[in-house]
Amino acid sequence: MSDKDYNQLNAEEQYVILHKGTEAPFVGEYTDNRTQGLYCCKQCNSPLYRSEHKFPSHCGWPSFDDEVEGAVRREPDADGRRIEIVCANCDGHLGHVFEGEGFTDKNIRHCVNSISMLFVAAD
């Protein structure tokens, strides 16, 4: 997909996806979503996460303990303390990944901005 094929982003989406911002906690559309389906990149529509990997972490953002294979790339964050996660297809900022918190058996949490994703229900 070329840049011209990417979805148009509004100013708030650009702030998070292109400029590595963060949406406020507990306001995202998918924070408490429990519907079965697929979470895709808001910018390029690439599949990122399946609903069966989503879990309630009560951190204020959607949390996942796994990703669609090859869909998410990890990079050192500019703050030097965290690991940023981006869409492997378009480099859109998704959020951060944390390990060792014990929320699930996989012991990993992808903390993702709702605004970085589109949800496609299974039905």
PDB file of N, CA and C in Angstrom:
ATOM      1  N   MET A   1       0.853  -1.177   0.000  1.00  0.00           N
ATOM      2  CA  MET A   1       0.000   0.000   0.000  1.00  0.00           C
ATOM      3  C   MET A   1       0.897   1.237   0.000  1.00  0.00           C
ATOM      4  N   SER A   2       0.649   2.148  -0.882  1.00  0.00           N
ATOM      5  CA  SER A   2       1.429   3.381  -0.907  1.00  0.00           C
ATOM      6  C   SER A   2       0.776   4.419  -0.018  1.00  0.00           C
ATOM      7  N   ASP A   3       1.527   5.485   0.309  1.00  0.00           N
ATOM      8  CA  ASP A   3       0.997   6.543   1.171  1.00  0.00           C
ATOM      9  C   ASP A   3      -0.329   7.078   0.666  1.00  0.00           C
ATOM     10  N   LYS A   4      -0.487   7.184  -0.641  1.00  0.00           N
ATOM     11  CA  LYS A   4      -1.724   7.756  -1.190  1.00  0.00           C
ATOM     12  C   LYS A   4      -2.931   6.856  -0.940  1.00  0.00           C
ATOM     13  N   ASP A   5      -2.666   5.569  -0.629  1.00  0.00           N
ATOM     14  CA  ASP A   5      -3.754   4.640  -0.358  1.00  0.00           C
ATOM     15  C   ASP A   5      -4.141   4.590   1.115  1.00  0.00           C
ATOM     16  N   TYR A   6      -3.379   5.274   1.968  1.00  0.00           N
ATOM     17  CA  TYR A   6      -3.691   5.258   3.385  1.00  0.00           C
ATOM     18  C   TYR A   6      -4.987   6.001   3.663  1.00  0.00           C
ATOM     19  N   ASN A   7      -5.656   5.617   4.747  1.00  0.00           N
ATOM     20  CA  ASN A   7      -6.868   6.301   5.179  1.00  0.00           C
ATOM     21  C   ASN A   7      -6.546   7.731   5.598  1.00  0.00           C
ATOM     22  N   GLN A   8      -7.452   8.636   5.348  1.00  0.00           N
ATOM     23  CA  GLN A   8      -7.302  10.018   5.809  1.00  0.00           C
ATOM     24  C   GLN A   8      -7.422  10.030   7.332  1.00  0.00           C
ATOM     25  N   LEU A   9      -6.541  10.747   7.990  1.00  0.00           N
ATOM     26  CA  LEU A   9      -6.553  10.840   9.445  1.00  0.00           C
ATOM     27  C   LEU A   9      -6.919  12.260   9.862  1.00  0.00           C
ATOM     28  N   ASN A  10      -7.781  12.364  10.886  1.00  0.00           N
ATOM     29  CA  ASN A  10      -8.083  13.700  11.408  1.00  0.00           C
ATOM     30  C   ASN A  10      -6.917  14.165  12.286  1.00  0.00           C
ATOM     31  N   ALA A  11      -6.984  15.364  12.810  1.00  0.00           N
ATOM     32  CA  ALA A  11      -5.878  15.951  13.563  1.00  0.00           C
ATOM     33  C   ALA A  11      -5.512  15.127  14.795  1.00  0.00           C
ATOM     34  N   GLU A  12      -6.504  14.644  15.532  1.00  0.00           N
ATOM     35  CA  GLU A  12      -6.238  13.848  16.728  1.00  0.00           C
ATOM     36  C   GLU A  12      -5.578  12.514  16.363  1.00  0.00           C
ATOM     37  N   GLU A  13      -6.058  11.873  15.292  1.00  0.00           N
ATOM     38  CA  GLU A  13      -5.457  10.626  14.827  1.00  0.00           C
ATOM     39  C   GLU A  13      -4.016  10.854  14.361  1.00  0.00           C
ATOM     40  N   GLN A  14      -3.775  11.947  13.652  1.00  0.00           N
ATOM     41  CA  GLN A  14      -2.413  12.276  13.213  1.00  0.00           C
ATOM     42  C   GLN A  14      -1.484  12.470  14.404  1.00  0.00           C
ATOM     43  N   TYR A  15      -1.974  13.156  15.439  1.00  0.00           N
ATOM     44  CA  TYR A  15      -1.169  13.400  16.635  1.00  0.00           C
ATOM     45  C   TYR A  15      -0.673  12.084  17.230  1.00  0.00           C
ATOM     46  N   VAL A  16      -1.555  11.101  17.328  1.00  0.00           N
ATOM     47  CA  VAL A  16      -1.183   9.819  17.934  1.00  0.00           C
ATOM     48  C   VAL A  16      -0.428   8.932  16.946  1.00  0.00           C
ATOM     49  N   ILE A  17      -0.965   8.721  15.767  1.00  0.00           N
ATOM     50  CA  ILE A  17      -0.419   7.746  14.821  1.00  0.00           C
ATOM     51  C   ILE A  17       0.866   8.226  14.140  1.00  0.00           C
ATOM     52  N   LEU A  18       0.899   9.477  13.732  1.00  0.00           N
ATOM     53  CA  LEU A  18       2.064   9.985  13.000  1.00  0.00           C
ATOM     54  C   LEU A  18       3.111  10.632  13.900  1.00  0.00           C
ATOM     55  N   HIS A  19       2.652  11.265  14.997  1.00  0.00           N
ATOM     56  CA  HIS A  19       3.563  12.025  15.856  1.00  0.00           C
ATOM     57  C   HIS A  19       3.790  11.380  17.219  1.00  0.00           C
ATOM     58  N   LYS A  20       3.378  10.120  17.342  1.00  0.00           N
ATOM     59  CA  LYS A  20       3.640   9.296  18.535  1.00  0.00           C
ATOM     60  C   LYS A  20       3.042   9.863  19.820  1.00  0.00           C
ATOM     61  N   GLY A  21       1.862  10.448  19.688  1.00  0.00           N
ATOM     62  CA  GLY A  21       1.161  10.951  20.861  1.00  0.00           C
ATOM     63  C   GLY A  21       0.436   9.829  21.586  1.00  0.00           C
ATOM     64  N   THR A  22      -0.280  10.201  22.633  1.00  0.00           N
ATOM     65  CA  THR A  22      -1.065   9.241  23.410  1.00  0.00           C
ATOM     66  C   THR A  22      -2.432   9.837  23.687  1.00  0.00           C
ATOM     67  N   GLU A  23      -3.481   9.047  23.452  1.00  0.00           N
ATOM     68  CA  GLU A  23      -4.813   9.529  23.807  1.00  0.00           C
ATOM     69  C   GLU A  23      -4.994   9.426  25.313  1.00  0.00           C
ATOM     70  N   ALA A  24      -5.914  10.198  25.831  1.00  0.00           N
ATOM     71  CA  ALA A  24      -6.167  10.182  27.275  1.00  0.00           C
ATOM     72  C   ALA A  24      -6.658   8.797  27.702  1.00  0.00           C
ATOM     73  N   PRO A  25      -6.331   8.363  28.922  1.00  0.00           N
ATOM     74  CA  PRO A  25      -6.799   7.063  29.396  1.00  0.00           C
ATOM     75  C   PRO A  25      -8.305   7.044  29.620  1.00  0.00           C
ATOM     76  N   PHE A  26      -8.891   5.872  29.452  1.00  0.00           N
ATOM     77  CA  PHE A  26     -10.306   5.588  29.731  1.00  0.00           C
ATOM     78  C   PHE A  26     -11.291   6.331  28.817  1.00  0.00           C
ATOM     79  N   VAL A  27     -10.824   6.876  27.694  1.00  0.00           N
ATOM     80  CA  VAL A  27     -11.737   7.550  26.767  1.00  0.00           C
ATOM     81  C   VAL A  27     -11.811   6.851  25.415  1.00  0.00           C
ATOM     82  N   GLY A  28     -10.909   5.919  25.150  1.00  0.00           N
ATOM     83  CA  GLY A  28     -10.844   5.257  23.853  1.00  0.00           C
ATOM     84  C   GLY A  28     -12.052   4.380  23.576  1.00  0.00           C
ATOM     85  N   GLU A  29     -12.413   4.342  22.326  1.00  0.00           N
ATOM     86  CA  GLU A  29     -13.580   3.592  21.857  1.00  0.00           C
ATOM     87  C   GLU A  29     -13.489   2.100  22.169  1.00  0.00           C
ATOM     88  N   TYR A  30     -12.297   1.529  22.205  1.00  0.00           N
ATOM     89  CA  TYR A  30     -12.153   0.077  22.352  1.00  0.00           C
ATOM     90  C   TYR A  30     -11.641  -0.371  23.709  1.00  0.00           C
ATOM     91  N   THR A  31     -11.478   0.535  24.648  1.00  0.00           N
ATOM     92  CA  THR A  31     -10.935   0.172  25.954  1.00  0.00           C
ATOM     93  C   THR A  31     -11.730  -0.972  26.592  1.00  0.00           C
ATOM     94  N   ASP A  32     -13.042  -0.892  26.551  1.00  0.00           N
ATOM     95  CA  ASP A  32     -13.883  -1.914  27.182  1.00  0.00           C
ATOM     96  C   ASP A  32     -14.620  -2.791  26.168  1.00  0.00           C
ATOM     97  N   ASN A  33     -14.240  -2.745  24.915  1.00  0.00           N
ATOM     98  CA  ASN A  33     -14.905  -3.547  23.885  1.00  0.00           C
ATOM     99  C   ASN A  33     -14.662  -5.036  24.137  1.00  0.00           C
ATOM    100  N   ARG A  34     -15.734  -5.819  24.156  1.00  0.00           N
ATOM    101  CA  ARG A  34     -15.628  -7.257  24.365  1.00  0.00           C
ATOM    102  C   ARG A  34     -16.199  -8.037  23.184  1.00  0.00           C
ATOM    103  N   THR A  35     -16.524  -7.352  22.114  1.00  0.00           N
ATOM    104  CA  THR A  35     -17.065  -7.984  20.918  1.00  0.00           C
ATOM    105  C   THR A  35     -15.973  -8.777  20.214  1.00  0.00           C
ATOM    106  N   GLN A  36     -16.350  -9.922  19.643  1.00  0.00           N
ATOM    107  CA  GLN A  36     -15.396 -10.749  18.905  1.00  0.00           C
ATOM    108  C   GLN A  36     -15.102 -10.130  17.546  1.00  0.00           C
ATOM    109  N   GLY A  37     -13.833 -10.116  17.161  1.00  0.00           N
ATOM    110  CA  GLY A  37     -13.467  -9.565  15.869  1.00  0.00           C
ATOM    111  C   GLY A  37     -11.978  -9.319  15.757  1.00  0.00           C
ATOM    112  N   LEU A  38     -11.632  -8.397  14.870  1.00  0.00           N
ATOM    113  CA  LEU A  38     -10.254  -8.121  14.521  1.00  0.00           C
ATOM    114  C   LEU A  38      -9.979  -6.625  14.648  1.00  0.00           C
ATOM    115  N   TYR A  39      -8.871  -6.284  15.269  1.00  0.00           N
ATOM    116  CA  TYR A  39      -8.434  -4.892  15.390  1.00  0.00           C
ATOM    117  C   TYR A  39      -7.397  -4.632  14.298  1.00  0.00           C
ATOM    118  N   CYS A  40      -7.631  -3.603  13.499  1.00  0.00           N
ATOM    119  CA  CYS A  40      -6.771  -3.286  12.360  1.00  0.00           C
ATOM    120  C   CYS A  40      -6.176  -1.892  12.517  1.00  0.00           C
ATOM    121  N   CYS A  41      -5.106  -1.627  11.793  1.00  0.00           N
ATOM    122  CA  CYS A  41      -4.465  -0.327  11.823  1.00  0.00           C
ATOM    123  C   CYS A  41      -5.389   0.734  11.233  1.00  0.00           C
ATOM    124  N   LYS A  42      -5.582   1.825  11.929  1.00  0.00           N
ATOM    125  CA  LYS A  42      -6.448   2.914  11.479  1.00  0.00           C
ATOM    126  C   LYS A  42      -5.907   3.563  10.200  1.00  0.00           C
ATOM    127  N   GLN A  43      -4.580   3.565  10.037  1.00  0.00           N
ATOM    128  CA  GLN A  43      -3.990   4.230   8.878  1.00  0.00           C
ATOM    129  C   GLN A  43      -3.996   3.359   7.615  1.00  0.00           C
ATOM    130  N   CYS A  44      -3.688   2.059   7.755  1.00  0.00           N
ATOM    131  CA  CYS A  44      -3.518   1.232   6.546  1.00  0.00           C
ATOM    132  C   CYS A  44      -4.415   0.001   6.490  1.00  0.00           C
ATOM    133  N   ASN A  45      -5.226  -0.237   7.510  1.00  0.00           N
ATOM    134  CA  ASN A  45      -6.169  -1.362   7.573  1.00  0.00           C
ATOM    135  C   ASN A  45      -5.523  -2.733   7.777  1.00  0.00           C
ATOM    136  N   SER A  46      -4.242  -2.802   8.053  1.00  0.00           N
ATOM    137  CA  SER A  46      -3.588  -4.093   8.286  1.00  0.00           C
ATOM    138  C   SER A  46      -4.081  -4.710   9.589  1.00  0.00           C
ATOM    139  N   PRO A  47      -4.386  -6.002   9.599  1.00  0.00           N
ATOM    140  CA  PRO A  47      -4.783  -6.673  10.845  1.00  0.00           C
ATOM    141  C   PRO A  47      -3.654  -6.631  11.866  1.00  0.00           C
ATOM    142  N   LEU A  48      -3.995  -6.284  13.108  1.00  0.00           N
ATOM    143  CA  LEU A  48      -3.013  -6.159  14.186  1.00  0.00           C
ATOM    144  C   LEU A  48      -3.247  -7.152  15.323  1.00  0.00           C
ATOM    145  N   TYR A  49      -4.490  -7.199  15.828  1.00  0.00           N
ATOM    146  CA  TYR A  49      -4.817  -7.989  17.013  1.00  0.00           C
ATOM    147  C   TYR A  49      -6.157  -8.679  16.836  1.00  0.00           C
ATOM    148  N   ARG A  50      -6.283  -9.867  17.422  1.00  0.00           N
ATOM    149  CA  ARG A  50      -7.556 -10.582  17.455  1.00  0.00           C
ATOM    150  C   ARG A  50      -8.198 -10.380  18.832  1.00  0.00           C
ATOM    151  N   SER A  51      -9.513 -10.382  18.852  1.00  0.00           N
ATOM    152  CA  SER A  51     -10.223 -10.129  20.112  1.00  0.00           C
ATOM    153  C   SER A  51      -9.889 -11.146  21.196  1.00  0.00           C
ATOM    154  N   GLU A  52      -9.546 -12.372  20.820  1.00  0.00           N
ATOM    155  CA  GLU A  52      -9.230 -13.378  21.844  1.00  0.00           C
ATOM    156  C   GLU A  52      -7.929 -13.067  22.581  1.00  0.00           C
ATOM    157  N   HIS A  53      -7.138 -12.129  22.065  1.00  0.00           N
ATOM    158  CA  HIS A  53      -5.902 -11.727  22.734  1.00  0.00           C
ATOM    159  C   HIS A  53      -6.079 -10.477  23.603  1.00  0.00           C
ATOM    160  N   LYS A  54      -7.280  -9.928  23.611  1.00  0.00           N
ATOM    161  CA  LYS A  54      -7.561  -8.722  24.395  1.00  0.00           C
ATOM    162  C   LYS A  54      -7.944  -9.142  25.817  1.00  0.00           C
ATOM    163  N   PHE A  55      -7.505  -8.377  26.788  1.00  0.00           N
ATOM    164  CA  PHE A  55      -7.839  -8.683  28.176  1.00  0.00           C
ATOM    165  C   PHE A  55      -8.002  -7.386  28.970  1.00  0.00           C
ATOM    166  N   PRO A  56      -8.771  -7.438  30.054  1.00  0.00           N
ATOM    167  CA  PRO A  56      -8.968  -6.242  30.883  1.00  0.00           C
ATOM    168  C   PRO A  56      -7.778  -6.010  31.806  1.00  0.00           C
ATOM    169  N   SER A  57      -7.040  -4.934  31.555  1.00  0.00           N
ATOM    170  CA  SER A  57      -5.888  -4.607  32.409  1.00  0.00           C
ATOM    171  C   SER A  57      -6.199  -3.425  33.325  1.00  0.00           C
ATOM    172  N   HIS A  58      -7.314  -2.745  33.045  1.00  0.00           N
ATOM    173  CA  HIS A  58      -7.749  -1.591  33.836  1.00  0.00           C
ATOM    174  C   HIS A  58      -6.715  -0.472  33.838  1.00  0.00           C
ATOM    175  N   CYS A  59      -5.930  -0.384  32.755  1.00  0.00           N
ATOM    176  CA  CYS A  59      -4.896   0.654  32.661  1.00  0.00           C
ATOM    177  C   CYS A  59      -5.393   1.891  31.908  1.00  0.00           C
ATOM    178  N   GLY A  60      -6.563   1.795  31.271  1.00  0.00           N
ATOM    179  CA  GLY A  60      -7.110   2.943  30.552  1.00  0.00           C
ATOM    180  C   GLY A  60      -7.015   2.848  29.046  1.00  0.00           C
ATOM    181  N   TRP A  61      -6.314   1.827  28.551  1.00  0.00           N
ATOM    182  CA  TRP A  61      -6.185   1.611  27.102  1.00  0.00           C
ATOM    183  C   TRP A  61      -6.419   0.135  26.811  1.00  0.00           C
ATOM    184  N   PRO A  62      -6.812  -0.200  25.585  1.00  0.00           N
ATOM    185  CA  PRO A  62      -6.952  -1.615  25.225  1.00  0.00           C
ATOM    186  C   PRO A  62      -5.630  -2.350  25.420  1.00  0.00           C
ATOM    187  N   SER A  63      -5.726  -3.571  25.947  1.00  0.00           N
ATOM    188  CA  SER A  63      -4.535  -4.375  26.214  1.00  0.00           C
ATOM    189  C   SER A  63      -4.662  -5.731  25.531  1.00  0.00           C
ATOM    190  N   PHE A  64      -3.565  -6.179  24.946  1.00  0.00           N
ATOM    191  CA  PHE A  64      -3.514  -7.455  24.239  1.00  0.00           C
ATOM    192  C   PHE A  64      -2.260  -8.198  24.670  1.00  0.00           C
ATOM    193  N   ASP A  65      -2.345  -9.546  24.756  1.00  0.00           N
ATOM    194  CA  ASP A  65      -1.155 -10.312  25.121  1.00  0.00           C
ATOM    195  C   ASP A  65      -0.561 -11.081  23.938  1.00  0.00           C
ATOM    196  N   ASP A  66      -1.001 -10.737  22.736  1.00  0.00           N
ATOM    197  CA  ASP A  66      -0.444 -11.333  21.525  1.00  0.00           C
ATOM    198  C   ASP A  66      -0.852 -10.453  20.352  1.00  0.00           C
ATOM    199  N   GLU A  67      -0.200 -10.646  19.205  1.00  0.00           N
ATOM    200  CA  GLU A  67      -0.527  -9.879  18.011  1.00  0.00           C
ATOM    201  C   GLU A  67      -0.626 -10.809  16.816  1.00  0.00           C
ATOM    202  N   VAL A  68      -1.231 -10.338  15.736  1.00  0.00           N
ATOM    203  CA  VAL A  68      -1.235 -11.086  14.489  1.00  0.00           C
ATOM    204  C   VAL A  68       0.232 -11.222  14.072  1.00  0.00           C
ATOM    205  N   GLU A  69       0.631 -12.417  13.700  1.00  0.00           N
ATOM    206  CA  GLU A  69       2.041 -12.668  13.383  1.00  0.00           C
ATOM    207  C   GLU A  69       2.574 -11.694  12.333  1.00  0.00           C
ATOM    208  N   GLY A  70       3.668 -11.028  12.671  1.00  0.00           N
ATOM    209  CA  GLY A  70       4.338 -10.114  11.758  1.00  0.00           C
ATOM    210  C   GLY A  70       3.697  -8.751  11.609  1.00  0.00           C
ATOM    211  N   ALA A  71       2.637  -8.468  12.377  1.00  0.00           N
ATOM    212  CA  ALA A  71       1.882  -7.225  12.209  1.00  0.00           C
ATOM    213  C   ALA A  71       2.420  -6.049  13.008  1.00  0.00           C
ATOM    214  N   VAL A  72       3.130  -6.327  14.085  1.00  0.00           N
ATOM    215  CA  VAL A  72       3.571  -5.281  15.006  1.00  0.00           C
ATOM    216  C   VAL A  72       5.096  -5.327  15.132  1.00  0.00           C
ATOM    217  N   ARG A  73       5.711  -4.166  15.026  1.00  0.00           N
ATOM    218  CA  ARG A  73       7.165  -4.066  15.173  1.00  0.00           C
ATOM    219  C   ARG A  73       7.484  -3.317  16.472  1.00  0.00           C
ATOM    220  N   ARG A  74       8.504  -3.761  17.161  1.00  0.00           N
ATOM    221  CA  ARG A  74       8.948  -3.129  18.401  1.00  0.00           C
ATOM    222  C   ARG A  74      10.176  -2.281  18.136  1.00  0.00           C
ATOM    223  N   GLU A  75      10.203  -1.103  18.761  1.00  0.00           N
ATOM    224  CA  GLU A  75      11.335  -0.186  18.616  1.00  0.00           C
ATOM    225  C   GLU A  75      11.601   0.480  19.961  1.00  0.00           C
ATOM    226  N   PRO A  76      12.848   0.797  20.269  1.00  0.00           N
ATOM    227  CA  PRO A  76      13.119   1.547  21.504  1.00  0.00           C
ATOM    228  C   PRO A  76      12.400   2.905  21.434  1.00  0.00           C
ATOM    229  N   ASP A  77      11.750   3.287  22.521  1.00  0.00           N
ATOM    230  CA  ASP A  77      11.056   4.567  22.573  1.00  0.00           C
ATOM    231  C   ASP A  77      12.065   5.693  22.747  1.00  0.00           C
ATOM    232  N   ALA A  78      11.690   6.871  22.309  1.00  0.00           N
ATOM    233  CA  ALA A  78      12.562   8.043  22.440  1.00  0.00           C
ATOM    234  C   ALA A  78      12.898   8.341  23.898  1.00  0.00           C
ATOM    235  N   ASP A  79      12.026   7.917  24.839  1.00  0.00           N
ATOM    236  CA  ASP A  79      12.297   8.185  26.252  1.00  0.00           C
ATOM    237  C   ASP A  79      13.390   7.270  26.828  1.00  0.00           C
ATOM    238  N   GLY A  80      13.793   6.258  26.057  1.00  0.00           N
ATOM    239  CA  GLY A  80      14.852   5.364  26.487  1.00  0.00           C
ATOM    240  C   GLY A  80      14.458   4.347  27.537  1.00  0.00           C
ATOM    241  N   ARG A  81      13.190   4.373  27.981  1.00  0.00           N
ATOM    242  CA  ARG A  81      12.742   3.468  29.037  1.00  0.00           C
ATOM    243  C   ARG A  81      11.744   2.430  28.551  1.00  0.00           C
ATOM    244  N   ARG A  82      10.993   2.759  27.538  1.00  0.00           N
ATOM    245  CA  ARG A  82       9.914   1.877  27.088  1.00  0.00           C
ATOM    246  C   ARG A  82      10.194   1.347  25.685  1.00  0.00           C
ATOM    247  N   ILE A  83       9.369   0.361  25.290  1.00  0.00           N
ATOM    248  CA  ILE A  83       9.425  -0.181  23.940  1.00  0.00           C
ATOM    249  C   ILE A  83       8.147   0.239  23.216  1.00  0.00           C
ATOM    250  N   GLU A  84       8.327   0.987  22.146  1.00  0.00           N
ATOM    251  CA  GLU A  84       7.201   1.439  21.323  1.00  0.00           C
ATOM    252  C   GLU A  84       6.779   0.307  20.392  1.00  0.00           C
ATOM    253  N   ILE A  85       5.480   0.247  20.097  1.00  0.00           N
ATOM    254  CA  ILE A  85       4.979  -0.688  19.089  1.00  0.00           C
ATOM    255  C   ILE A  85       4.365   0.120  17.952  1.00  0.00           C
ATOM    256  N   VAL A  86       4.692  -0.300  16.727  1.00  0.00           N
ATOM    257  CA  VAL A  86       4.193   0.358  15.522  1.00  0.00           C
ATOM    258  C   VAL A  86       3.650  -0.688  14.565  1.00  0.00           C
ATOM    259  N   CYS A  87       2.781  -0.269  13.669  1.00  0.00           N
ATOM    260  CA  CYS A  87       2.282  -1.140  12.616  1.00  0.00           C
ATOM    261  C   CYS A  87       3.465  -1.493  11.716  1.00  0.00           C
ATOM    262  N   ALA A  88       3.678  -2.770  11.489  1.00  0.00           N
ATOM    263  CA  ALA A  88       4.797  -3.217  10.664  1.00  0.00           C
ATOM    264  C   ALA A  88       4.613  -2.836   9.202  1.00  0.00           C
ATOM    265  N   ASN A  89       3.386  -2.558   8.792  1.00  0.00           N
ATOM    266  CA  ASN A  89       3.120  -2.197   7.398  1.00  0.00           C
ATOM    267  C   ASN A  89       3.350  -0.713   7.111  1.00  0.00           C
ATOM    268  N   CYS A  90       2.858   0.168   7.989  1.00  0.00           N
ATOM    269  CA  CYS A  90       2.892   1.608   7.684  1.00  0.00           C
ATOM    270  C   CYS A  90       3.660   2.438   8.704  1.00  0.00           C
ATOM    271  N   ASP A  91       4.201   1.824   9.747  1.00  0.00           N
ATOM    272  CA  ASP A  91       4.945   2.512  10.812  1.00  0.00           C
ATOM    273  C   ASP A  91       4.075   3.394  11.697  1.00  0.00           C
ATOM    274  N   GLY A  92       2.766   3.255  11.640  1.00  0.00           N
ATOM    275  CA  GLY A  92       1.884   4.039  12.501  1.00  0.00           C
ATOM    276  C   GLY A  92       2.066   3.664  13.965  1.00  0.00           C
ATOM    277  N   HIS A  93       2.143   4.680  14.822  1.00  0.00           N
ATOM    278  CA  HIS A  93       2.318   4.465  16.266  1.00  0.00           C
ATOM    279  C   HIS A  93       1.070   3.812  16.845  1.00  0.00           C
ATOM    280  N   LEU A  94       1.268   2.738  17.604  1.00  0.00           N
ATOM    281  CA  LEU A  94       0.171   2.026  18.258  1.00  0.00           C
ATOM    282  C   LEU A  94       0.163   2.282  19.761  1.00  0.00           C
ATOM    283  N   GLY A  95       1.321   2.216  20.392  1.00  0.00           N
ATOM    284  CA  GLY A  95       1.416   2.373  21.834  1.00  0.00           C
ATOM    285  C   GLY A  95       2.739   1.825  22.318  1.00  0.00           C
ATOM    286  N   HIS A  96       2.689   1.052  23.411  1.00  0.00           N
ATOM    287  CA  HIS A  96       3.905   0.489  24.008  1.00  0.00           C
ATOM    288  C   HIS A  96       3.643  -0.941  24.457  1.00  0.00           C
ATOM    289  N   VAL A  97       4.706  -1.708  24.608  1.00  0.00           N
ATOM    290  CA  VAL A  97       4.597  -3.079  25.082  1.00  0.00           C
ATOM    291  C   VAL A  97       5.352  -3.198  26.408  1.00  0.00           C
ATOM    292  N   PHE A  98       4.744  -3.948  27.329  1.00  0.00           N
ATOM    293  CA  PHE A  98       5.318  -4.137  28.661  1.00  0.00           C
ATOM    294  C   PHE A  98       5.374  -5.631  28.965  1.00  0.00           C
ATOM    295  N   GLU A  99       6.434  -6.058  29.610  1.00  0.00           N
ATOM    296  CA  GLU A  99       6.596  -7.464  29.976  1.00  0.00           C
ATOM    297  C   GLU A  99       6.757  -7.595  31.478  1.00  0.00           C
ATOM    298  N   GLY A 100       6.366  -8.752  32.003  1.00  0.00           N
ATOM    299  CA  GLY A 100       6.601  -9.070  33.406  1.00  0.00           C
ATOM    300  C   GLY A 100       5.575  -8.525  34.381  1.00  0.00           C
ATOM    301  N   GLU A 101       4.409  -8.119  33.909  1.00  0.00           N
ATOM    302  CA  GLU A 101       3.389  -7.574  34.812  1.00  0.00           C
ATOM    303  C   GLU A 101       2.454  -8.637  35.382  1.00  0.00           C
ATOM    304  N   GLY A 102       2.420  -9.819  34.766  1.00  0.00           N
ATOM    305  CA  GLY A 102       1.638 -10.931  35.295  1.00  0.00           C
ATOM    306  C   GLY A 102       0.143 -10.883  35.021  1.00  0.00           C
ATOM    307  N   PHE A 103      -0.307 -10.064  34.092  1.00  0.00           N
ATOM    308  CA  PHE A 103      -1.746  -9.989  33.794  1.00  0.00           C
ATOM    309  C   PHE A 103      -2.278 -11.271  33.162  1.00  0.00           C
ATOM    310  N   THR A 104      -1.471 -11.903  32.300  1.00  0.00           N
ATOM    311  CA  THR A 104      -1.882 -13.138  31.626  1.00  0.00           C
ATOM    312  C   THR A 104      -0.733 -14.144  31.698  1.00  0.00           C
ATOM    313  N   ASP A 105      -1.011 -15.368  31.282  1.00  0.00           N
ATOM    314  CA  ASP A 105       0.026 -16.399  31.270  1.00  0.00           C
ATOM    315  C   ASP A 105       1.177 -16.037  30.335  1.00  0.00           C
ATOM    316  N   LYS A 106       0.893 -15.263  29.294  1.00  0.00           N
ATOM    317  CA  LYS A 106       1.944 -14.854  28.357  1.00  0.00           C
ATOM    318  C   LYS A 106       2.828 -13.760  28.945  1.00  0.00           C
ATOM    319  N   ASN A 107       2.352 -13.109  30.010  1.00  0.00           N
ATOM    320  CA  ASN A 107       3.125 -12.121  30.768  1.00  0.00           C
ATOM    321  C   ASN A 107       3.601 -10.947  29.909  1.00  0.00           C
ATOM    322  N   ILE A 108       2.741 -10.520  28.998  1.00  0.00           N
ATOM    323  CA  ILE A 108       3.050  -9.402  28.118  1.00  0.00           C
ATOM    324  C   ILE A 108       1.788  -8.566  27.941  1.00  0.00           C
ATOM    325  N   ARG A 109       1.971  -7.258  27.793  1.00  0.00           N
ATOM    326  CA  ARG A 109       0.815  -6.378  27.574  1.00  0.00           C
ATOM    327  C   ARG A 109       1.147  -5.367  26.487  1.00  0.00           C
ATOM    328  N   HIS A 110       0.434  -5.478  25.374  1.00  0.00           N
ATOM    329  CA  HIS A 110       0.477  -4.452  24.343  1.00  0.00           C
ATOM    330  C   HIS A 110      -0.555  -3.417  24.762  1.00  0.00           C
ATOM    331  N   CYS A 111      -0.113  -2.250  25.127  1.00  0.00           N
ATOM    332  CA  CYS A 111      -0.976  -1.150  25.562  1.00  0.00           C
ATOM    333  C   CYS A 111      -1.168  -0.243  24.335  1.00  0.00           C
ATOM    334  N   VAL A 112      -2.376  -0.292  23.747  1.00  0.00           N
ATOM    335  CA  VAL A 112      -2.609   0.299  22.435  1.00  0.00           C
ATOM    336  C   VAL A 112      -3.632   1.425  22.512  1.00  0.00           C
ATOM    337  N   ASN A 113      -3.348   2.514  21.835  1.00  0.00           N
ATOM    338  CA  ASN A 113      -4.310   3.609  21.722  1.00  0.00           C
ATOM    339  C   ASN A 113      -5.495   3.147  20.862  1.00  0.00           C
ATOM    340  N   SER A 114      -6.711   3.303  21.373  1.00  0.00           N
ATOM    341  CA  SER A 114      -7.896   2.973  20.575  1.00  0.00           C
ATOM    342  C   SER A 114      -7.888   3.722  19.247  1.00  0.00           C
ATOM    343  N   ILE A 115      -7.469   4.962  19.296  1.00  0.00           N
ATOM    344  CA  ILE A 115      -7.503   5.825  18.120  1.00  0.00           C
ATOM    345  C   ILE A 115      -6.578   5.336  17.002  1.00  0.00           C
ATOM    346  N   SER A 116      -5.647   4.444  17.321  1.00  0.00           N
ATOM    347  CA  SER A 116      -4.739   3.883  16.326  1.00  0.00           C
ATOM    348  C   SER A 116      -5.343   2.688  15.585  1.00  0.00           C
ATOM    349  N   MET A 117      -6.547   2.279  15.994  1.00  0.00           N
ATOM    350  CA  MET A 117      -7.126   1.058  15.433  1.00  0.00           C
ATOM    351  C   MET A 117      -8.541   1.259  14.893  1.00  0.00           C
ATOM    352  N   LEU A 118      -8.927   0.344  14.026  1.00  0.00           N
ATOM    353  CA  LEU A 118     -10.303   0.167  13.570  1.00  0.00           C
ATOM    354  C   LEU A 118     -10.702  -1.242  14.003  1.00  0.00           C
ATOM    355  N   PHE A 119     -11.956  -1.421  14.402  1.00  0.00           N
ATOM    356  CA  PHE A 119     -12.409  -2.744  14.812  1.00  0.00           C
ATOM    357  C   PHE A 119     -13.386  -3.285  13.779  1.00  0.00           C
ATOM    358  N   VAL A 120     -13.167  -4.539  13.394  1.00  0.00           N
ATOM    359  CA  VAL A 120     -14.052  -5.226  12.463  1.00  0.00           C
ATOM    360  C   VAL A 120     -14.663  -6.405  13.214  1.00  0.00           C
ATOM    361  N   ALA A 121     -15.959  -6.329  13.477  1.00  0.00           N
ATOM    362  CA  ALA A 121     -16.641  -7.381  14.222  1.00  0.00           C
ATOM    363  C   ALA A 121     -16.649  -8.677  13.431  1.00  0.00           C
ATOM    364  N   ALA A 122     -16.607  -9.802  14.143  1.00  0.00           N
ATOM    365  CA  ALA A 122     -16.553 -11.125  13.517  1.00  0.00           C
ATOM    366  C   ALA A 122     -17.802 -11.429  12.693  1.00  0.00           C
ATOM    367  N   ASP A 123     -18.942 -10.922  13.114  1.00  0.00           N
ATOM    368  CA  ASP A 123     -20.173 -11.225  12.374  1.00  0.00           C
ATOM    369  C   ASP A 123     -20.327 -10.262  11.221  1.00  0.00           C
TER     370      ASP A 123
END
